[in-house]
PDB file of N, CA and C in Angstrom:
ATOM      1  N   UNK A   1       0.834  -1.169   0.000  1.00  0.00           N
ATOM      2  CA  UNK A   1       0.000   0.000   0.000  1.00  0.00           C
ATOM      3  C   UNK A   1       0.884   1.239   0.000  1.00  0.00           C
ATOM      4  N   UNK A   2       0.541   2.164  -0.846  1.00  0.00           N
ATOM      5  CA  UNK A   2       1.353   3.375  -0.980  1.00  0.00           C
ATOM      6  C   UNK A   2       1.139   4.283   0.224  1.00  0.00           C
ATOM      7  N   UNK A   3       2.170   4.855   0.638  1.00  0.00           N
ATOM      8  CA  UNK A   3       2.119   5.764   1.772  1.00  0.00           C
ATOM      9  C   UNK A   3       1.795   7.170   1.275  1.00  0.00           C
ATOM     10  N   UNK A   4       1.011   7.910   2.026  1.00  0.00           N
ATOM     11  CA  UNK A   4       0.650   9.274   1.643  1.00  0.00           C
ATOM     12  C   UNK A   4       1.854  10.194   1.673  1.00  0.00           C
ATOM     13  N   UNK A   5       1.727  11.286   0.967  1.00  0.00           N
ATOM     14  CA  UNK A   5       2.846  12.232   0.945  1.00  0.00           C
ATOM     15  C   UNK A   5       2.995  12.883   2.322  1.00  0.00           C
ATOM     16  N   UNK A   6       4.203  12.995   2.751  1.00  0.00           N
ATOM     17  CA  UNK A   6       4.471  13.620   4.043  1.00  0.00           C
ATOM     18  C   UNK A   6       4.786  15.091   3.824  1.00  0.00           C
ATOM     19  N   UNK A   7       4.404  15.902   4.783  1.00  0.00           N
ATOM     20  CA  UNK A   7       4.667  17.335   4.702  1.00  0.00           C
ATOM     21  C   UNK A   7       6.030  17.619   5.307  1.00  0.00           C
ATOM     22  N   UNK A   8       6.743  18.564   4.737  1.00  0.00           N
ATOM     23  CA  UNK A   8       8.062  18.888   5.299  1.00  0.00           C
ATOM     24  C   UNK A   8       7.943  19.501   6.692  1.00  0.00           C
ATOM     25  N   UNK A   9       8.948  19.233   7.503  1.00  0.00           N
ATOM     26  CA  UNK A   9       8.983  19.771   8.853  1.00  0.00           C
ATOM     27  C   UNK A   9       9.735  21.095   8.812  1.00  0.00           C
ATOM     28  N   UNK A  10       8.987  22.190   8.823  1.00  0.00           N
ATOM     29  CA  UNK A  10       9.594  23.506   8.692  1.00  0.00           C
ATOM     30  C   UNK A  10      10.353  23.910   9.944  1.00  0.00           C
ATOM     31  N   UNK A  11      10.056  23.301  11.080  1.00  0.00           N
ATOM     32  CA  UNK A  11      10.835  23.589  12.289  1.00  0.00           C
ATOM     33  C   UNK A  11      12.271  23.086  12.125  1.00  0.00           C
ATOM     34  N   UNK A  12      12.436  21.975  11.418  1.00  0.00           N
ATOM     35  CA  UNK A  12      13.779  21.481  11.122  1.00  0.00           C
ATOM     36  C   UNK A  12      14.531  22.474  10.236  1.00  0.00           C
ATOM     37  N   UNK A  13      13.842  23.022   9.251  1.00  0.00           N
ATOM     38  CA  UNK A  13      14.468  24.031   8.396  1.00  0.00           C
ATOM     39  C   UNK A  13      14.876  25.259   9.207  1.00  0.00           C
ATOM     40  N   UNK A  14      14.045  25.641  10.181  1.00  0.00           N
ATOM     41  CA  UNK A  14      14.409  26.778  11.032  1.00  0.00           C
ATOM     42  C   UNK A  14      15.654  26.467  11.845  1.00  0.00           C
ATOM     43  N   UNK A  15      15.776  25.246  12.345  1.00  0.00           N
ATOM     44  CA  UNK A  15      16.977  24.850  13.076  1.00  0.00           C
ATOM     45  C   UNK A  15      18.211  24.895  12.189  1.00  0.00           C
ATOM     46  N   UNK A  16      18.058  24.438  10.962  1.00  0.00           N
ATOM     47  CA  UNK A  16      19.169  24.502  10.012  1.00  0.00           C
ATOM     48  C   UNK A  16      19.550  25.953   9.727  1.00  0.00           C
ATOM     49  N   UNK A  17      18.546  26.807   9.587  1.00  0.00           N
ATOM     50  CA  UNK A  17      18.802  28.232   9.342  1.00  0.00           C
ATOM     51  C   UNK A  17      19.520  28.885  10.508  1.00  0.00           C
ATOM     52  N   UNK A  18      19.092  28.557  11.741  1.00  0.00           N
ATOM     53  CA  UNK A  18      19.762  29.127  12.919  1.00  0.00           C
ATOM     54  C   UNK A  18      21.203  28.644  13.019  1.00  0.00           C
ATOM     55  N   UNK A  19      21.439  27.359  12.742  1.00  0.00           N
ATOM     56  CA  UNK A  19      22.822  26.868  12.811  1.00  0.00           C
ATOM     57  C   UNK A  19      23.673  27.506  11.720  1.00  0.00           C
ATOM     58  N   UNK A  20      23.103  27.697  10.546  1.00  0.00           N
ATOM     59  CA  UNK A  20      23.817  28.367   9.459  1.00  0.00           C
ATOM     60  C   UNK A  20      24.148  29.807   9.843  1.00  0.00           C
ATOM     61  N   UNK A  21      23.203  30.487  10.473  1.00  0.00           N
ATOM     62  CA  UNK A  21      23.423  31.855  10.930  1.00  0.00           C
ATOM     63  C   UNK A  21      24.530  31.919  11.973  1.00  0.00           C
ATOM     64  N   UNK A  22      24.533  31.004  12.915  1.00  0.00           N
ATOM     65  CA  UNK A  22      25.554  30.997  13.971  1.00  0.00           C
ATOM     66  C   UNK A  22      26.938  30.738  13.398  1.00  0.00           C
ATOM     67  N   UNK A  23      27.036  29.764  12.477  1.00  0.00           N
ATOM     68  CA  UNK A  23      28.338  29.473  11.857  1.00  0.00           C
ATOM     69  C   UNK A  23      28.817  30.678  11.044  1.00  0.00           C
ATOM     70  N   UNK A  24      27.905  31.301  10.307  1.00  0.00           N
ATOM     71  CA  UNK A  24      28.285  32.458   9.500  1.00  0.00           C
ATOM     72  C   UNK A  24      28.767  33.623  10.336  1.00  0.00           C
ATOM     73  N   UNK A  25      28.044  33.926  11.414  1.00  0.00           N
ATOM     74  CA  UNK A  25      28.459  35.027  12.285  1.00  0.00           C
ATOM     75  C   UNK A  25      29.794  34.697  12.957  1.00  0.00           C
ATOM     76  N   UNK A  26      29.974  33.439  13.341  1.00  0.00           N
ATOM     77  CA  UNK A  26      31.253  33.031  13.931  1.00  0.00           C
ATOM     78  C   UNK A  26      32.416  33.218  12.969  1.00  0.00           C
ATOM     79  N   UNK A  27      32.211  32.857  11.710  1.00  0.00           N
ATOM     80  CA  UNK A  27      33.273  33.059  10.714  1.00  0.00           C
ATOM     81  C   UNK A  27      33.552  34.537  10.474  1.00  0.00           C
ATOM     82  N   UNK A  28      32.513  35.346  10.448  1.00  0.00           N
ATOM     83  CA  UNK A  28      32.714  36.792  10.253  1.00  0.00           C
ATOM     84  C   UNK A  28      33.495  37.375  11.426  1.00  0.00           C
ATOM     85  N   UNK A  29      33.115  37.017  12.641  1.00  0.00           N
ATOM     86  CA  UNK A  29      33.815  37.547  13.821  1.00  0.00           C
ATOM     87  C   UNK A  29      35.272  37.084  13.839  1.00  0.00           C
ATOM     88  N   UNK A  30      35.498  35.812  13.539  1.00  0.00           N
ATOM     89  CA  UNK A  30      36.876  35.304  13.523  1.00  0.00           C
ATOM     90  C   UNK A  30      37.702  35.978  12.429  1.00  0.00           C
ATOM     91  N   UNK A  31      37.085  36.224  11.284  1.00  0.00           N
ATOM     92  CA  UNK A  31      37.804  36.888  10.199  1.00  0.00           C
ATOM     93  C   UNK A  31      38.135  38.331  10.519  1.00  0.00           C
ATOM     94  N   UNK A  32      37.188  39.023  11.129  1.00  0.00           N
ATOM     95  CA  UNK A  32      37.448  40.422  11.478  1.00  0.00           C
ATOM     96  C   UNK A  32      38.433  40.548  12.637  1.00  0.00           C
ATOM     97  N   UNK A  33      38.514  39.526  13.482  1.00  0.00           N
ATOM     98  CA  UNK A  33      39.458  39.556  14.597  1.00  0.00           C
ATOM     99  C   UNK A  33      40.863  39.164  14.156  1.00  0.00           C
ATOM    100  N   UNK A  34      41.018  38.720  12.916  1.00  0.00           N
ATOM    101  CA  UNK A  34      42.331  38.351  12.408  1.00  0.00           C
ATOM    102  C   UNK A  34      42.782  36.967  12.809  1.00  0.00           C
ATOM    103  N   UNK A  35      41.856  36.085  13.146  1.00  0.00           N
ATOM    104  CA  UNK A  35      42.210  34.738  13.588  1.00  0.00           C
ATOM    105  C   UNK A  35      42.357  33.740  12.446  1.00  0.00           C
ATOM    106  N   UNK A  36      42.075  34.149  11.224  1.00  0.00           N
ATOM    107  CA  UNK A  36      42.037  33.202  10.115  1.00  0.00           C
ATOM    108  C   UNK A  36      43.229  33.295   9.167  1.00  0.00           C
ATOM    109  N   UNK A  37      44.182  34.097   9.460  1.00  0.00           N
ATOM    110  CA  UNK A  37      45.397  34.154   8.650  1.00  0.00           C
ATOM    111  C   UNK A  37      45.272  35.055   7.443  1.00  0.00           C
ATOM    112  N   UNK A  38      46.061  34.714   6.397  1.00  0.00           N
ATOM    113  CA  UNK A  38      46.146  35.549   5.201  1.00  0.00           C
ATOM    114  C   UNK A  38      44.828  35.652   4.446  1.00  0.00           C
ATOM    115  N   UNK A  39      44.161  34.539   4.267  1.00  0.00           N
ATOM    116  CA  UNK A  39      42.929  34.525   3.481  1.00  0.00           C
ATOM    117  C   UNK A  39      41.699  34.757   4.353  1.00  0.00           C
ATOM    118  N   UNK A  40      41.860  35.485   5.400  1.00  0.00           N
ATOM    119  CA  UNK A  40      40.756  35.738   6.314  1.00  0.00           C
ATOM    120  C   UNK A  40      39.639  36.532   5.693  1.00  0.00           C
ATOM    121  N   UNK A  41      39.961  37.412   4.752  1.00  0.00           N
ATOM    122  CA  UNK A  41      38.909  38.234   4.150  1.00  0.00           C
ATOM    123  C   UNK A  41      37.979  37.384   3.290  1.00  0.00           C
ATOM    124  N   UNK A  42      38.518  36.383   2.613  1.00  0.00           N
ATOM    125  CA  UNK A  42      37.667  35.496   1.809  1.00  0.00           C
ATOM    126  C   UNK A  42      36.748  34.670   2.693  1.00  0.00           C
ATOM    127  N   UNK A  43      37.277  34.180   3.793  1.00  0.00           N
ATOM    128  CA  UNK A  43      36.467  33.384   4.710  1.00  0.00           C
ATOM    129  C   UNK A  43      35.443  34.272   5.412  1.00  0.00           C
ATOM    130  N   UNK A  44      35.785  35.519   5.664  1.00  0.00           N
ATOM    131  CA  UNK A  44      34.834  36.460   6.249  1.00  0.00           C
ATOM    132  C   UNK A  44      33.674  36.705   5.292  1.00  0.00           C
ATOM    133  N   UNK A  45      33.968  36.867   4.012  1.00  0.00           N
ATOM    134  CA  UNK A  45      32.906  37.030   3.017  1.00  0.00           C
ATOM    135  C   UNK A  45      32.034  35.785   2.929  1.00  0.00           C
ATOM    136  N   UNK A  46      32.655  34.617   2.979  1.00  0.00           N
ATOM    137  CA  UNK A  46      31.883  33.370   2.961  1.00  0.00           C
ATOM    138  C   UNK A  46      31.005  33.266   4.201  1.00  0.00           C
ATOM    139  N   UNK A  47      31.516  33.672   5.349  1.00  0.00           N
ATOM    140  CA  UNK A  47      30.725  33.678   6.576  1.00  0.00           C
ATOM    141  C   UNK A  47      29.548  34.624   6.487  1.00  0.00           C
ATOM    142  N   UNK A  48      29.763  35.767   5.875  1.00  0.00           N
ATOM    143  CA  UNK A  48      28.664  36.705   5.667  1.00  0.00           C
ATOM    144  C   UNK A  48      27.585  36.119   4.767  1.00  0.00           C
ATOM    145  N   UNK A  49      28.013  35.404   3.728  1.00  0.00           N
ATOM    146  CA  UNK A  49      27.049  34.739   2.847  1.00  0.00           C
ATOM    147  C   UNK A  49      26.277  33.660   3.613  1.00  0.00           C
ATOM    148  N   UNK A  50      26.968  32.897   4.449  1.00  0.00           N
ATOM    149  CA  UNK A  50      26.309  31.886   5.284  1.00  0.00           C
ATOM    150  C   UNK A  50      25.251  32.533   6.168  1.00  0.00           C
ATOM    151  N   UNK A  51      25.596  33.651   6.785  1.00  0.00           N
ATOM    152  CA  UNK A  51      24.665  34.329   7.692  1.00  0.00           C
ATOM    153  C   UNK A  51      23.438  34.826   6.935  1.00  0.00           C
ATOM    154  N   UNK A  52      23.631  35.396   5.763  1.00  0.00           N
ATOM    155  CA  UNK A  52      22.506  35.897   4.966  1.00  0.00           C
ATOM    156  C   UNK A  52      21.614  34.741   4.521  1.00  0.00           C
ATOM    157  N   UNK A  53      22.215  33.643   4.097  1.00  0.00           N
ATOM    158  CA  UNK A  53      21.439  32.473   3.687  1.00  0.00           C
ATOM    159  C   UNK A  53      20.680  31.896   4.877  1.00  0.00           C
ATOM    160  N   UNK A  54      21.307  31.889   6.045  1.00  0.00           N
ATOM    161  CA  UNK A  54      20.635  31.413   7.250  1.00  0.00           C
ATOM    162  C   UNK A  54      19.408  32.244   7.580  1.00  0.00           C
ATOM    163  N   UNK A  55      19.521  33.561   7.463  1.00  0.00           N
ATOM    164  CA  UNK A  55      18.376  34.444   7.721  1.00  0.00           C
ATOM    165  C   UNK A  55      17.276  34.184   6.695  1.00  0.00           C
ATOM    166  N   UNK A  56      17.650  33.989   5.442  1.00  0.00           N
ATOM    167  CA  UNK A  56      16.656  33.721   4.404  1.00  0.00           C
ATOM    168  C   UNK A  56      15.920  32.409   4.679  1.00  0.00           C
ATOM    169  N   UNK A  57      16.627  31.385   5.121  1.00  0.00           N
ATOM    170  CA  UNK A  57      15.993  30.099   5.444  1.00  0.00           C
ATOM    171  C   UNK A  57      15.029  30.267   6.618  1.00  0.00           C
ATOM    172  N   UNK A  58      15.432  31.020   7.634  1.00  0.00           N
ATOM    173  CA  UNK A  58      14.581  31.228   8.806  1.00  0.00           C
ATOM    174  C   UNK A  58      13.303  31.964   8.406  1.00  0.00           C
ATOM    175  N   UNK A  59      13.426  33.009   7.605  1.00  0.00           N
ATOM    176  CA  UNK A  59      12.254  33.779   7.186  1.00  0.00           C
ATOM    177  C   UNK A  59      11.323  32.921   6.347  1.00  0.00           C
ATOM    178  N   UNK A  60      11.879  32.144   5.434  1.00  0.00           N
ATOM    179  CA  UNK A  60      11.075  31.266   4.586  1.00  0.00           C
ATOM    180  C   UNK A  60      10.339  30.224   5.417  1.00  0.00           C
ATOM    181  N   UNK A  61      11.029  29.597   6.367  1.00  0.00           N
ATOM    182  CA  UNK A  61      10.400  28.563   7.192  1.00  0.00           C
ATOM    183  C   UNK A  61       9.317  29.160   8.088  1.00  0.00           C
ATOM    184  N   UNK A  62       9.551  30.343   8.630  1.00  0.00           N
ATOM    185  CA  UNK A  62       8.520  30.987   9.461  1.00  0.00           C
ATOM    186  C   UNK A  62       7.290  31.331   8.618  1.00  0.00           C
ATOM    187  N   UNK A  63       7.518  31.749   7.393  1.00  0.00           N
ATOM    188  CA  UNK A  63       6.403  32.042   6.495  1.00  0.00           C
ATOM    189  C   UNK A  63       5.590  30.772   6.225  1.00  0.00           C
ATOM    190  N   UNK A  64       6.264  29.674   5.948  1.00  0.00           N
ATOM    191  CA  UNK A  64       5.572  28.415   5.685  1.00  0.00           C
ATOM    192  C   UNK A  64       4.838  27.913   6.922  1.00  0.00           C
ATOM    193  N   UNK A  65       5.420  28.081   8.100  1.00  0.00           N
ATOM    194  CA  UNK A  65       4.750  27.674   9.331  1.00  0.00           C
ATOM    195  C   UNK A  65       3.488  28.500   9.558  1.00  0.00           C
ATOM    196  N   UNK A  66       3.544  29.782   9.284  1.00  0.00           N
ATOM    197  CA  UNK A  66       2.356  30.612   9.483  1.00  0.00           C
ATOM    198  C   UNK A  66       1.285  30.278   8.452  1.00  0.00           C
ATOM    199  N   UNK A  67       1.662  29.904   7.248  1.00  0.00           N
ATOM    200  CA  UNK A  67       0.687  29.495   6.245  1.00  0.00           C
ATOM    201  C   UNK A  67      -0.001  28.196   6.652  1.00  0.00           C
ATOM    202  N   UNK A  68       0.766  27.264   7.191  1.00  0.00           N
ATOM    203  CA  UNK A  68       0.203  25.974   7.606  1.00  0.00           C
ATOM    204  C   UNK A  68      -0.722  26.114   8.794  1.00  0.00           C
ATOM    205  N   UNK A  69      -0.411  27.017   9.710  1.00  0.00           N
ATOM    206  CA  UNK A  69      -1.238  27.149  10.904  1.00  0.00           C
ATOM    207  C   UNK A  69      -2.578  27.788  10.602  1.00  0.00           C
ATOM    208  N   UNK A  70      -2.675  28.559   9.546  1.00  0.00           N
ATOM    209  CA  UNK A  70      -3.922  29.226   9.210  1.00  0.00           C
ATOM    210  C   UNK A  70      -4.856  28.383   8.374  1.00  0.00           C
ATOM    211  N   UNK A  71      -4.441  27.197   7.964  1.00  0.00           N
ATOM    212  CA  UNK A  71      -5.266  26.400   7.044  1.00  0.00           C
ATOM    213  C   UNK A  71      -5.788  25.129   7.691  1.00  0.00           C
ATOM    214  N   UNK A  72      -5.895  25.079   8.989  1.00  0.00           N
ATOM    215  CA  UNK A  72      -6.297  23.841   9.642  1.00  0.00           C
ATOM    216  C   UNK A  72      -7.794  23.658   9.721  1.00  0.00           C
ATOM    217  N   UNK A  73      -8.194  22.403   9.805  1.00  0.00           N
ATOM    218  CA  UNK A  73      -9.575  22.075  10.075  1.00  0.00           C
ATOM    219  C   UNK A  73     -10.468  21.982   8.865  1.00  0.00           C
ATOM    220  N   UNK A  74     -11.679  21.543   9.117  1.00  0.00           N
ATOM    221  CA  UNK A  74     -12.688  21.394   8.085  1.00  0.00           C
ATOM    222  C   UNK A  74     -13.352  22.749   7.845  1.00  0.00           C
ATOM    223  N   UNK A  75     -13.502  23.128   6.598  1.00  0.00           N
ATOM    224  CA  UNK A  75     -14.038  24.457   6.273  1.00  0.00           C
ATOM    225  C   UNK A  75     -15.444  24.389   5.697  1.00  0.00           C
ATOM    226  N   UNK A  76     -16.235  23.424   6.143  1.00  0.00           N
ATOM    227  CA  UNK A  76     -17.615  23.312   5.622  1.00  0.00           C
ATOM    228  C   UNK A  76     -18.510  24.344   6.211  1.00  0.00           C
TER     229      UNK A  76
END
């Protein structure tokens, strides 16, 4: 018997977004503090990109969670 389609767990996506944000901010801080050596500016830019992507994932997941919460129940 075929199993029904499962809905994605947007809370998991939010957790991934928060971890991405934390790693990105950590890389930016380490790069600006001079802890990353010669190529610190490249890693700082990559950390900034990680942080921006993390924020985008969090916003997207929160939007999807709010859409799902408003559509519950029978609408007869």
